[in-house]
Amino acid sequence: MGLGKAARVLGIIGGIGAVAWAMRDRFVTVALTRKPEHPTFSLPPEPPDSVATEPDDLTAIAGIGPVFARRLMEAGIATYKDLAGATAAHVAEIVNITEARAGQWIDDAAGLVKA
């Protein structure tokens, strides 16, 4: 009885092997016809080169210290106008704060742009 089970198992394994061997060209063809996908990503818009502005002292805004000011400048937010034009989500992501706090900074910066 043990020999019968062994023969059946070998028969099943042999059948699977025969099917794989018969379809080997199909597997290789499918693998070779795939085109590689190029990575997709987007870059932040570059500031215009024609406008050279002096950076503002962002530490004048309550809650922005030297570390946060440096992070904002490294992200391209160097003036009150830049900060006032940014979204709260973007600013919050840059300096790792809440959107509510970033929104307050944006409002304060907008007030300093008008002054």
PDB file of N, CA and C in Angstrom:
ATOM      1  N   MET A   1       0.811  -1.186   0.000  1.00  0.00           N
ATOM      2  CA  MET A   1       0.000   0.000   0.000  1.00  0.00           C
ATOM      3  C   MET A   1       0.859   1.257   0.000  1.00  0.00           C
ATOM      4  N   GLY A   2       1.984   1.247   0.667  1.00  0.00           N
ATOM      5  CA  GLY A   2       2.878   2.399   0.701  1.00  0.00           C
ATOM      6  C   GLY A   2       3.460   2.690  -0.668  1.00  0.00           C
ATOM      7  N   LEU A   3       3.674   1.616  -1.457  1.00  0.00           N
ATOM      8  CA  LEU A   3       4.236   1.790  -2.786  1.00  0.00           C
ATOM      9  C   LEU A   3       3.232   2.466  -3.718  1.00  0.00           C
ATOM     10  N   GLY A   4       1.948   2.177  -3.544  1.00  0.00           N
ATOM     11  CA  GLY A   4       0.899   2.793  -4.364  1.00  0.00           C
ATOM     12  C   GLY A   4       0.797   4.291  -4.132  1.00  0.00           C
ATOM     13  N   LYS A   5       0.892   4.705  -2.868  1.00  0.00           N
ATOM     14  CA  LYS A   5       0.848   6.147  -2.553  1.00  0.00           C
ATOM     15  C   LYS A   5       2.068   6.861  -3.120  1.00  0.00           C
ATOM     16  N   ALA A   6       3.209   6.216  -3.004  1.00  0.00           N
ATOM     17  CA  ALA A   6       4.434   6.816  -3.522  1.00  0.00           C
ATOM     18  C   ALA A   6       4.347   6.983  -5.032  1.00  0.00           C
ATOM     19  N   ALA A   7       3.775   5.981  -5.710  1.00  0.00           N
ATOM     20  CA  ALA A   7       3.638   6.048  -7.163  1.00  0.00           C
ATOM     21  C   ALA A   7       2.694   7.179  -7.555  1.00  0.00           C
ATOM     22  N   ARG A   8       1.601   7.352  -6.808  1.00  0.00           N
ATOM     23  CA  ARG A   8       0.663   8.446  -7.101  1.00  0.00           C
ATOM     24  C   ARG A   8       1.317   9.803  -6.901  1.00  0.00           C
ATOM     25  N   VAL A   9       2.056   9.966  -5.811  1.00  0.00           N
ATOM     26  CA  VAL A   9       2.729  11.243  -5.533  1.00  0.00           C
ATOM     27  C   VAL A   9       3.743  11.542  -6.631  1.00  0.00           C
ATOM     28  N   LEU A  10       4.526  10.523  -7.015  1.00  0.00           N
ATOM     29  CA  LEU A  10       5.492  10.733  -8.093  1.00  0.00           C
ATOM     30  C   LEU A  10       4.798  11.050  -9.412  1.00  0.00           C
ATOM     31  N   GLY A  11       3.655  10.439  -9.652  1.00  0.00           N
ATOM     32  CA  GLY A  11       2.892  10.734 -10.859  1.00  0.00           C
ATOM     33  C   GLY A  11       2.397  12.173 -10.885  1.00  0.00           C
ATOM     34  N   ILE A  12       1.917  12.665  -9.745  1.00  0.00           N
ATOM     35  CA  ILE A  12       1.443  14.054  -9.659  1.00  0.00           C
ATOM     36  C   ILE A  12       2.608  15.017  -9.863  1.00  0.00           C
ATOM     37  N   ILE A  13       3.720  14.750  -9.195  1.00  0.00           N
ATOM     38  CA  ILE A  13       4.891  15.621  -9.333  1.00  0.00           C
ATOM     39  C   ILE A  13       5.392  15.587 -10.781  1.00  0.00           C
ATOM     40  N   GLY A  14       5.407  14.410 -11.390  1.00  0.00           N
ATOM     41  CA  GLY A  14       5.825  14.303 -12.782  1.00  0.00           C
ATOM     42  C   GLY A  14       4.899  15.074 -13.709  1.00  0.00           C
ATOM     43  N   GLY A  15       3.597  15.001 -13.444  1.00  0.00           N
ATOM     44  CA  GLY A  15       2.636  15.740 -14.264  1.00  0.00           C
ATOM     45  C   GLY A  15       2.831  17.245 -14.162  1.00  0.00           C
ATOM     46  N   ILE A  16       3.048  17.719 -12.952  1.00  0.00           N
ATOM     47  CA  ILE A  16       3.295  19.158 -12.757  1.00  0.00           C
ATOM     48  C   ILE A  16       4.567  19.570 -13.484  1.00  0.00           C
ATOM     49  N   GLY A  17       5.594  18.729 -13.386  1.00  0.00           N
ATOM     50  CA  GLY A  17       6.845  19.027 -14.082  1.00  0.00           C
ATOM     51  C   GLY A  17       6.668  19.062 -15.588  1.00  0.00           C
ATOM     52  N   ALA A  18       5.865  18.131 -16.123  1.00  0.00           N
ATOM     53  CA  ALA A  18       5.634  18.090 -17.568  1.00  0.00           C
ATOM     54  C   ALA A  18       4.890  19.330 -18.042  1.00  0.00           C
ATOM     55  N   VAL A  19       3.905  19.785 -17.277  1.00  0.00           N
ATOM     56  CA  VAL A  19       3.158  20.998 -17.646  1.00  0.00           C
ATOM     57  C   VAL A  19       4.080  22.217 -17.594  1.00  0.00           C
ATOM     58  N   ALA A  20       4.894  22.311 -16.550  1.00  0.00           N
ATOM     59  CA  ALA A  20       5.823  23.443 -16.443  1.00  0.00           C
ATOM     60  C   ALA A  20       6.814  23.426 -17.599  1.00  0.00           C
ATOM     61  N   TRP A  21       7.307  22.236 -17.974  1.00  0.00           N
ATOM     62  CA  TRP A  21       8.264  22.122 -19.078  1.00  0.00           C
ATOM     63  C   TRP A  21       7.600  22.531 -20.397  1.00  0.00           C
ATOM     64  N   ALA A  22       6.373  22.131 -20.589  1.00  0.00           N
ATOM     65  CA  ALA A  22       5.661  22.466 -21.820  1.00  0.00           C
ATOM     66  C   ALA A  22       5.375  23.962 -21.922  1.00  0.00           C
ATOM     67  N   MET A  23       5.218  24.629 -20.794  1.00  0.00           N
ATOM     68  CA  MET A  23       4.877  26.050 -20.804  1.00  0.00           C
ATOM     69  C   MET A  23       6.093  26.947 -20.570  1.00  0.00           C
ATOM     70  N   ARG A  24       7.306  26.378 -20.575  1.00  0.00           N
ATOM     71  CA  ARG A  24       8.487  27.162 -20.242  1.00  0.00           C
ATOM     72  C   ARG A  24       8.691  28.335 -21.185  1.00  0.00           C
ATOM     73  N   ASP A  25       8.398  28.142 -22.470  1.00  0.00           N
ATOM     74  CA  ASP A  25       8.551  29.236 -23.425  1.00  0.00           C
ATOM     75  C   ASP A  25       7.574  30.367 -23.123  1.00  0.00           C
ATOM     76  N   ARG A  26       6.391  30.021 -22.683  1.00  0.00           N
ATOM     77  CA  ARG A  26       5.382  31.033 -22.332  1.00  0.00           C
ATOM     78  C   ARG A  26       5.842  31.860 -21.139  1.00  0.00           C
ATOM     79  N   PHE A  27       6.411  31.215 -20.126  1.00  0.00           N
ATOM     80  CA  PHE A  27       6.885  31.939 -18.952  1.00  0.00           C
ATOM     81  C   PHE A  27       8.015  32.899 -19.316  1.00  0.00           C
ATOM     82  N   VAL A  28       8.938  32.452 -20.129  1.00  0.00           N
ATOM     83  CA  VAL A  28      10.075  33.288 -20.511  1.00  0.00           C
ATOM     84  C   VAL A  28       9.599  34.449 -21.378  1.00  0.00           C
ATOM     85  N   THR A  29       8.678  34.198 -22.304  1.00  0.00           N
ATOM     86  CA  THR A  29       8.172  35.245 -23.189  1.00  0.00           C
ATOM     87  C   THR A  29       7.460  36.330 -22.392  1.00  0.00           C
ATOM     88  N   VAL A  30       6.661  35.941 -21.437  1.00  0.00           N
ATOM     89  CA  VAL A  30       5.947  36.918 -20.619  1.00  0.00           C
ATOM     90  C   VAL A  30       6.942  37.761 -19.832  1.00  0.00           C
ATOM     91  N   ALA A  31       7.966  37.144 -19.293  1.00  0.00           N
ATOM     92  CA  ALA A  31       8.944  37.877 -18.499  1.00  0.00           C
ATOM     93  C   ALA A  31       9.767  38.829 -19.362  1.00  0.00           C
ATOM     94  N   LEU A  32      10.074  38.449 -20.593  1.00  0.00           N
ATOM     95  CA  LEU A  32      10.908  39.279 -21.453  1.00  0.00           C
ATOM     96  C   LEU A  32      10.152  40.425 -22.100  1.00  0.00           C
ATOM     97  N   THR A  33       8.831  40.305 -22.279  1.00  0.00           N
ATOM     98  CA  THR A  33       8.082  41.356 -22.960  1.00  0.00           C
ATOM     99  C   THR A  33       7.654  42.481 -22.036  1.00  0.00           C
ATOM    100  N   ARG A  34       7.836  42.333 -20.746  1.00  0.00           N
ATOM    101  CA  ARG A  34       7.465  43.416 -19.832  1.00  0.00           C
ATOM    102  C   ARG A  34       8.474  44.550 -19.941  1.00  0.00           C
ATOM    103  N   LYS A  35       7.948  45.742 -20.064  1.00  0.00           N
ATOM    104  CA  LYS A  35       8.818  46.909 -20.125  1.00  0.00           C
ATOM    105  C   LYS A  35       9.014  47.440 -18.707  1.00  0.00           C
ATOM    106  N   PRO A  36      10.217  47.858 -18.400  1.00  0.00           N
ATOM    107  CA  PRO A  36      10.445  48.385 -17.051  1.00  0.00           C
ATOM    108  C   PRO A  36       9.669  49.685 -16.849  1.00  0.00           C
ATOM    109  N   GLU A  37       9.145  49.843 -15.662  1.00  0.00           N
ATOM    110  CA  GLU A  37       8.398  51.053 -15.347  1.00  0.00           C
ATOM    111  C   GLU A  37       9.353  52.093 -14.781  1.00  0.00           C
ATOM    112  N   HIS A  38       9.249  53.287 -15.288  1.00  0.00           N
ATOM    113  CA  HIS A  38      10.089  54.367 -14.806  1.00  0.00           C
ATOM    114  C   HIS A  38       9.503  54.933 -13.515  1.00  0.00           C
ATOM    115  N   PRO A  39      10.350  55.322 -12.588  1.00  0.00           N
ATOM    116  CA  PRO A  39       9.819  55.900 -11.349  1.00  0.00           C
ATOM    117  C   PRO A  39       9.136  57.225 -11.631  1.00  0.00           C
ATOM    118  N   THR A  40       8.060  57.467 -10.896  1.00  0.00           N
ATOM    119  CA  THR A  40       7.349  58.731 -11.059  1.00  0.00           C
ATOM    120  C   THR A  40       7.421  59.502  -9.759  1.00  0.00           C
ATOM    121  N   PHE A  41       7.774  60.738  -9.857  1.00  0.00           N
ATOM    122  CA  PHE A  41       7.817  61.618  -8.706  1.00  0.00           C
ATOM    123  C   PHE A  41       7.718  63.042  -9.217  1.00  0.00           C
ATOM    124  N   SER A  42       7.387  63.939  -8.337  1.00  0.00           N
ATOM    125  CA  SER A  42       7.298  65.334  -8.746  1.00  0.00           C
ATOM    126  C   SER A  42       8.205  66.167  -7.860  1.00  0.00           C
ATOM    127  N   LEU A  43       8.779  67.158  -8.467  1.00  0.00           N
ATOM    128  CA  LEU A  43       9.650  68.071  -7.745  1.00  0.00           C
ATOM    129  C   LEU A  43       8.873  69.327  -7.392  1.00  0.00           C
ATOM    130  N   PRO A  44       9.204  69.954  -6.285  1.00  0.00           N
ATOM    131  CA  PRO A  44       8.521  71.207  -5.965  1.00  0.00           C
ATOM    132  C   PRO A  44       8.902  72.263  -6.989  1.00  0.00           C
ATOM    133  N   PRO A  45       8.007  73.193  -7.254  1.00  0.00           N
ATOM    134  CA  PRO A  45       8.328  74.221  -8.241  1.00  0.00           C
ATOM    135  C   PRO A  45       9.507  75.063  -7.780  1.00  0.00           C
ATOM    136  N   GLU A  46      10.371  75.387  -8.735  1.00  0.00           N
ATOM    137  CA  GLU A  46      11.536  76.190  -8.397  1.00  0.00           C
ATOM    138  C   GLU A  46      11.148  77.661  -8.380  1.00  0.00           C
ATOM    139  N   PRO A  47      11.706  78.415  -7.439  1.00  0.00           N
ATOM    140  CA  PRO A  47      11.405  79.841  -7.413  1.00  0.00           C
ATOM    141  C   PRO A  47      12.037  80.510  -8.625  1.00  0.00           C
ATOM    142  N   PRO A  48      11.418  81.564  -9.119  1.00  0.00           N
ATOM    143  CA  PRO A  48      11.983  82.242 -10.290  1.00  0.00           C
ATOM    144  C   PRO A  48      13.351  82.846  -9.948  1.00  0.00           C
ATOM    145  N   ASP A  49      14.288  82.731 -10.893  1.00  0.00           N
ATOM    146  CA  ASP A  49      15.634  83.238 -10.681  1.00  0.00           C
ATOM    147  C   ASP A  49      15.698  84.758 -10.796  1.00  0.00           C
ATOM    148  N   SER A  50      14.771  85.333 -11.534  1.00  0.00           N
ATOM    149  CA  SER A  50      14.830  86.763 -11.787  1.00  0.00           C
ATOM    150  C   SER A  50      14.543  87.591 -10.541  1.00  0.00           C
ATOM    151  N   VAL A  51      13.837  87.022  -9.572  1.00  0.00           N
ATOM    152  CA  VAL A  51      13.486  87.760  -8.370  1.00  0.00           C
ATOM    153  C   VAL A  51      14.416  87.326  -7.242  1.00  0.00           C
ATOM    154  N   ALA A  52      15.378  88.161  -6.932  1.00  0.00           N
ATOM    155  CA  ALA A  52      16.306  87.865  -5.839  1.00  0.00           C
ATOM    156  C   ALA A  52      15.877  88.705  -4.642  1.00  0.00           C
ATOM    157  N   THR A  53      15.292  88.066  -3.656  1.00  0.00           N
ATOM    158  CA  THR A  53      14.834  88.793  -2.486  1.00  0.00           C
ATOM    159  C   THR A  53      15.693  88.425  -1.289  1.00  0.00           C
ATOM    160  N   GLU A  54      15.831  89.359  -0.423  1.00  0.00           N
ATOM    161  CA  GLU A  54      16.566  89.146   0.819  1.00  0.00           C
ATOM    162  C   GLU A  54      15.657  88.377   1.771  1.00  0.00           C
ATOM    163  N   PRO A  55      16.167  87.355   2.435  1.00  0.00           N
ATOM    164  CA  PRO A  55      15.299  86.612   3.363  1.00  0.00           C
ATOM    165  C   PRO A  55      14.872  87.481   4.539  1.00  0.00           C
ATOM    166  N   ASP A  56      13.654  87.251   4.996  1.00  0.00           N
ATOM    167  CA  ASP A  56      13.146  87.972   6.168  1.00  0.00           C
ATOM    168  C   ASP A  56      13.543  87.220   7.436  1.00  0.00           C
ATOM    169  N   ASP A  57      13.459  87.900   8.551  1.00  0.00           N
ATOM    170  CA  ASP A  57      13.736  87.284   9.847  1.00  0.00           C
ATOM    171  C   ASP A  57      12.472  86.569  10.309  1.00  0.00           C
ATOM    172  N   LEU A  58      12.380  85.287   9.975  1.00  0.00           N
ATOM    173  CA  LEU A  58      11.180  84.517  10.314  1.00  0.00           C
ATOM    174  C   LEU A  58      11.028  84.319  11.810  1.00  0.00           C
ATOM    175  N   THR A  59      12.102  84.525  12.576  1.00  0.00           N
ATOM    176  CA  THR A  59      12.009  84.365  14.028  1.00  0.00           C
ATOM    177  C   THR A  59      11.213  85.490  14.671  1.00  0.00           C
ATOM    178  N   ALA A  60      10.860  86.515  13.881  1.00  0.00           N
ATOM    179  CA  ALA A  60      10.022  87.591  14.402  1.00  0.00           C
ATOM    180  C   ALA A  60       8.582  87.107  14.612  1.00  0.00           C
ATOM    181  N   ILE A  61       8.225  85.993  14.020  1.00  0.00           N
ATOM    182  CA  ILE A  61       6.891  85.418  14.191  1.00  0.00           C
ATOM    183  C   ILE A  61       6.903  84.569  15.447  1.00  0.00           C
ATOM    184  N   ALA A  62       5.897  84.746  16.287  1.00  0.00           N
ATOM    185  CA  ALA A  62       5.814  84.022  17.556  1.00  0.00           C
ATOM    186  C   ALA A  62       5.780  82.519  17.307  1.00  0.00           C
ATOM    187  N   GLY A  63       6.678  81.800  17.950  1.00  0.00           N
ATOM    188  CA  GLY A  63       6.725  80.349  17.835  1.00  0.00           C
ATOM    189  C   GLY A  63       7.766  79.839  16.863  1.00  0.00           C
ATOM    190  N   ILE A  64       8.336  80.734  16.057  1.00  0.00           N
ATOM    191  CA  ILE A  64       9.385  80.316  15.121  1.00  0.00           C
ATOM    192  C   ILE A  64      10.734  80.704  15.719  1.00  0.00           C
ATOM    193  N   GLY A  65      11.497  79.698  16.044  1.00  0.00           N
ATOM    194  CA  GLY A  65      12.838  79.920  16.560  1.00  0.00           C
ATOM    195  C   GLY A  65      13.860  79.673  15.466  1.00  0.00           C
ATOM    196  N   PRO A  66      15.129  79.691  15.819  1.00  0.00           N
ATOM    197  CA  PRO A  66      16.177  79.507  14.813  1.00  0.00           C
ATOM    198  C   PRO A  66      16.104  78.160  14.088  1.00  0.00           C
ATOM    199  N   VAL A  67      15.728  77.111  14.797  1.00  0.00           N
ATOM    200  CA  VAL A  67      15.669  75.780  14.166  1.00  0.00           C
ATOM    201  C   VAL A  67      14.536  75.731  13.144  1.00  0.00           C
ATOM    202  N   PHE A  68      13.342  76.186  13.528  1.00  0.00           N
ATOM    203  CA  PHE A  68      12.220  76.182  12.596  1.00  0.00           C
ATOM    204  C   PHE A  68      12.494  77.125  11.416  1.00  0.00           C
ATOM    205  N   ALA A  69      13.107  78.278  11.683  1.00  0.00           N
ATOM    206  CA  ALA A  69      13.424  79.220  10.611  1.00  0.00           C
ATOM    207  C   ALA A  69      14.387  78.581   9.612  1.00  0.00           C
ATOM    208  N   ARG A  70      15.381  77.839  10.115  1.00  0.00           N
ATOM    209  CA  ARG A  70      16.332  77.172   9.226  1.00  0.00           C
ATOM    210  C   ARG A  70      15.634  76.116   8.382  1.00  0.00           C
ATOM    211  N   ARG A  71      14.751  75.341   8.997  1.00  0.00           N
ATOM    212  CA  ARG A  71      14.024  74.308   8.247  1.00  0.00           C
ATOM    213  C   ARG A  71      13.156  74.929   7.158  1.00  0.00           C
ATOM    214  N   LEU A  72      12.496  76.035   7.487  1.00  0.00           N
ATOM    215  CA  LEU A  72      11.658  76.711   6.496  1.00  0.00           C
ATOM    216  C   LEU A  72      12.503  77.244   5.351  1.00  0.00           C
ATOM    217  N   MET A  73      13.641  77.843   5.669  1.00  0.00           N
ATOM    218  CA  MET A  73      14.513  78.388   4.614  1.00  0.00           C
ATOM    219  C   MET A  73      15.069  77.272   3.735  1.00  0.00           C
ATOM    220  N   GLU A  74      15.413  76.143   4.334  1.00  0.00           N
ATOM    221  CA  GLU A  74      15.907  75.013   3.544  1.00  0.00           C
ATOM    222  C   GLU A  74      14.835  74.478   2.605  1.00  0.00           C
ATOM    223  N   ALA A  75      13.577  74.672   2.968  1.00  0.00           N
ATOM    224  CA  ALA A  75      12.465  74.226   2.126  1.00  0.00           C
ATOM    225  C   ALA A  75      12.038  75.295   1.126  1.00  0.00           C
ATOM    226  N   GLY A  76      12.746  76.438   1.108  1.00  0.00           N
ATOM    227  CA  GLY A  76      12.432  77.487   0.134  1.00  0.00           C
ATOM    228  C   GLY A  76      11.489  78.551   0.644  1.00  0.00           C
ATOM    229  N   ILE A  77      11.192  78.550   1.927  1.00  0.00           N
ATOM    230  CA  ILE A  77      10.333  79.578   2.513  1.00  0.00           C
ATOM    231  C   ILE A  77      11.246  80.514   3.300  1.00  0.00           C
ATOM    232  N   ALA A  78      11.627  81.637   2.652  1.00  0.00           N
ATOM    233  CA  ALA A  78      12.614  82.525   3.251  1.00  0.00           C
ATOM    234  C   ALA A  78      12.059  83.902   3.592  1.00  0.00           C
ATOM    235  N   THR A  79      10.875  84.212   3.096  1.00  0.00           N
ATOM    236  CA  THR A  79      10.305  85.539   3.341  1.00  0.00           C
ATOM    237  C   THR A  79       8.912  85.401   3.943  1.00  0.00           C
ATOM    238  N   TYR A  80       8.421  86.521   4.490  1.00  0.00           N
ATOM    239  CA  TYR A  80       7.059  86.525   5.026  1.00  0.00           C
ATOM    240  C   TYR A  80       6.060  86.221   3.914  1.00  0.00           C
ATOM    241  N   LYS A  81       6.336  86.740   2.719  1.00  0.00           N
ATOM    242  CA  LYS A  81       5.445  86.511   1.576  1.00  0.00           C
ATOM    243  C   LYS A  81       5.411  85.025   1.218  1.00  0.00           C
ATOM    244  N   ASP A  82       6.585  84.367   1.248  1.00  0.00           N
ATOM    245  CA  ASP A  82       6.627  82.923   0.972  1.00  0.00           C
ATOM    246  C   ASP A  82       5.787  82.157   1.992  1.00  0.00           C
ATOM    247  N   LEU A  83       5.955  82.512   3.260  1.00  0.00           N
ATOM    248  CA  LEU A  83       5.226  81.824   4.329  1.00  0.00           C
ATOM    249  C   LEU A  83       3.730  82.101   4.223  1.00  0.00           C
ATOM    250  N   ALA A  84       3.361  83.348   3.908  1.00  0.00           N
ATOM    251  CA  ALA A  84       1.944  83.693   3.789  1.00  0.00           C
ATOM    252  C   ALA A  84       1.292  82.967   2.613  1.00  0.00           C
ATOM    253  N   GLY A  85       2.069  82.631   1.586  1.00  0.00           N
ATOM    254  CA  GLY A  85       1.532  81.947   0.416  1.00  0.00           C
ATOM    255  C   GLY A  85       1.553  80.430   0.520  1.00  0.00           C
ATOM    256  N   ALA A  86       2.150  79.913   1.577  1.00  0.00           N
ATOM    257  CA  ALA A  86       2.240  78.455   1.741  1.00  0.00           C
ATOM    258  C   ALA A  86       0.957  77.913   2.359  1.00  0.00           C
ATOM    259  N   THR A  87       0.757  76.626   2.205  1.00  0.00           N
ATOM    260  CA  THR A  87      -0.392  75.983   2.838  1.00  0.00           C
ATOM    261  C   THR A  87       0.006  75.507   4.229  1.00  0.00           C
ATOM    262  N   ALA A  88      -0.969  75.434   5.102  1.00  0.00           N
ATOM    263  CA  ALA A  88      -0.703  74.989   6.471  1.00  0.00           C
ATOM    264  C   ALA A  88      -0.189  73.552   6.485  1.00  0.00           C
ATOM    265  N   ALA A  89      -0.701  72.721   5.603  1.00  0.00           N
ATOM    266  CA  ALA A  89      -0.258  71.323   5.554  1.00  0.00           C
ATOM    267  C   ALA A  89       1.211  71.231   5.156  1.00  0.00           C
ATOM    268  N   HIS A  90       1.625  72.062   4.196  1.00  0.00           N
ATOM    269  CA  HIS A  90       3.015  72.045   3.732  1.00  0.00           C
ATOM    270  C   HIS A  90       3.964  72.521   4.829  1.00  0.00           C
ATOM    271  N   VAL A  91       3.608  73.618   5.473  1.00  0.00           N
ATOM    272  CA  VAL A  91       4.447  74.158   6.549  1.00  0.00           C
ATOM    273  C   VAL A  91       4.503  73.163   7.708  1.00  0.00           C
ATOM    274  N   ALA A  92       3.372  72.580   8.051  1.00  0.00           N
ATOM    275  CA  ALA A  92       3.330  71.611   9.150  1.00  0.00           C
ATOM    276  C   ALA A  92       4.220  70.413   8.855  1.00  0.00           C
ATOM    277  N   GLU A  93       4.244  69.982   7.610  1.00  0.00           N
ATOM    278  CA  GLU A  93       5.079  68.845   7.224  1.00  0.00           C
ATOM    279  C   GLU A  93       6.568  69.200   7.290  1.00  0.00           C
ATOM    280  N   ILE A  94       6.912  70.409   6.894  1.00  0.00           N
ATOM    281  CA  ILE A  94       8.313  70.825   6.888  1.00  0.00           C
ATOM    282  C   ILE A  94       8.896  70.830   8.298  1.00  0.00           C
ATOM    283  N   VAL A  95       8.179  71.446   9.236  1.00  0.00           N
ATOM    284  CA  VAL A  95       8.738  71.622  10.579  1.00  0.00           C
ATOM    285  C   VAL A  95       8.154  70.655  11.608  1.00  0.00           C
ATOM    286  N   ASN A  96       7.278  69.761  11.151  1.00  0.00           N
ATOM    287  CA  ASN A  96       6.708  68.737  12.023  1.00  0.00           C
ATOM    288  C   ASN A  96       5.926  69.338  13.194  1.00  0.00           C
ATOM    289  N   ILE A  97       4.933  70.155  12.834  1.00  0.00           N
ATOM    290  CA  ILE A  97       4.037  70.756  13.826  1.00  0.00           C
ATOM    291  C   ILE A  97       2.602  70.516  13.368  1.00  0.00           C
ATOM    292  N   THR A  98       1.649  70.961  14.178  1.00  0.00           N
ATOM    293  CA  THR A  98       0.244  70.808  13.793  1.00  0.00           C
ATOM    294  C   THR A  98      -0.123  71.822  12.718  1.00  0.00           C
ATOM    295  N   GLU A  99      -1.140  71.488  11.944  1.00  0.00           N
ATOM    296  CA  GLU A  99      -1.601  72.406  10.913  1.00  0.00           C
ATOM    297  C   GLU A  99      -2.195  73.675  11.514  1.00  0.00           C
ATOM    298  N   ALA A 100      -2.797  73.565  12.697  1.00  0.00           N
ATOM    299  CA  ALA A 100      -3.371  74.745  13.346  1.00  0.00           C
ATOM    300  C   ALA A 100      -2.271  75.747  13.686  1.00  0.00           C
ATOM    301  N   ARG A 101      -1.167  75.240  14.226  1.00  0.00           N
ATOM    302  CA  ARG A 101      -0.043  76.125  14.568  1.00  0.00           C
ATOM    303  C   ARG A 101       0.579  76.714  13.301  1.00  0.00           C
ATOM    304  N   ALA A 102       0.704  75.913  12.262  1.00  0.00           N
ATOM    305  CA  ALA A 102       1.232  76.408  10.992  1.00  0.00           C
ATOM    306  C   ALA A 102       0.309  77.474  10.410  1.00  0.00           C
ATOM    307  N   GLY A 103      -0.997  77.276  10.552  1.00  0.00           N
ATOM    308  CA  GLY A 103      -1.952  78.277  10.067  1.00  0.00           C
ATOM    309  C   GLY A 103      -1.800  79.598  10.794  1.00  0.00           C
ATOM    310  N   GLN A 104      -1.493  79.542  12.092  1.00  0.00           N
ATOM    311  CA  GLN A 104      -1.266  80.774  12.853  1.00  0.00           C
ATOM    312  C   GLN A 104      -0.021  81.491  12.339  1.00  0.00           C
ATOM    313  N   TRP A 105       1.031  80.741  12.059  1.00  0.00           N
ATOM    314  CA  TRP A 105       2.251  81.347  11.510  1.00  0.00           C
ATOM    315  C   TRP A 105       1.964  82.006  10.163  1.00  0.00           C
ATOM    316  N   ILE A 106       1.164  81.327   9.340  1.00  0.00           N
ATOM    317  CA  ILE A 106       0.825  81.873   8.015  1.00  0.00           C
ATOM    318  C   ILE A 106       0.043  83.165   8.176  1.00  0.00           C
ATOM    319  N   ASP A 107      -0.910  83.194   9.095  1.00  0.00           N
ATOM    320  CA  ASP A 107      -1.690  84.420   9.340  1.00  0.00           C
ATOM    321  C   ASP A 107      -0.781  85.552   9.833  1.00  0.00           C
ATOM    322  N   ASP A 108       0.142  85.220  10.748  1.00  0.00           N
ATOM    323  CA  ASP A 108       1.060  86.235  11.253  1.00  0.00           C
ATOM    324  C   ASP A 108       1.960  86.760  10.135  1.00  0.00           C
ATOM    325  N   ALA A 109       2.416  85.878   9.268  1.00  0.00           N
ATOM    326  CA  ALA A 109       3.277  86.288   8.154  1.00  0.00           C
ATOM    327  C   ALA A 109       2.503  87.172   7.192  1.00  0.00           C
ATOM    328  N   ALA A 110       1.232  86.858   6.972  1.00  0.00           N
ATOM    329  CA  ALA A 110       0.410  87.687   6.072  1.00  0.00           C
ATOM    330  C   ALA A 110       0.255  89.093   6.654  1.00  0.00           C
ATOM    331  N   GLY A 111       0.146  89.184   7.973  1.00  0.00           N
ATOM    332  CA  GLY A 111       0.076  90.496   8.598  1.00  0.00           C
ATOM    333  C   GLY A 111       1.361  91.281   8.458  1.00  0.00           C
ATOM    334  N   LEU A 112       2.490  90.605   8.460  1.00  0.00           N
ATOM    335  CA  LEU A 112       3.782  91.276   8.304  1.00  0.00           C
ATOM    336  C   LEU A 112       4.052  91.663   6.859  1.00  0.00           C
ATOM    337  N   VAL A 113       3.461  90.975   5.901  1.00  0.00           N
ATOM    338  CA  VAL A 113       3.630  91.332   4.486  1.00  0.00           C
ATOM    339  C   VAL A 113       2.940  92.662   4.225  1.00  0.00           C
ATOM    340  N   LYS A 114       1.763  92.862   4.811  1.00  0.00           N
ATOM    341  CA  LYS A 114       1.003  94.083   4.587  1.00  0.00           C
ATOM    342  C   LYS A 114       1.652  95.269   5.275  1.00  0.00           C
ATOM    343  N   ALA A 115       2.402  95.019   6.373  1.00  0.00           N
ATOM    344  CA  ALA A 115       2.978  96.120   7.140  1.00  0.00           C
ATOM    345  C   ALA A 115       4.152  96.750   6.439  1.00  0.00           C
TER     346      ALA A 115
END
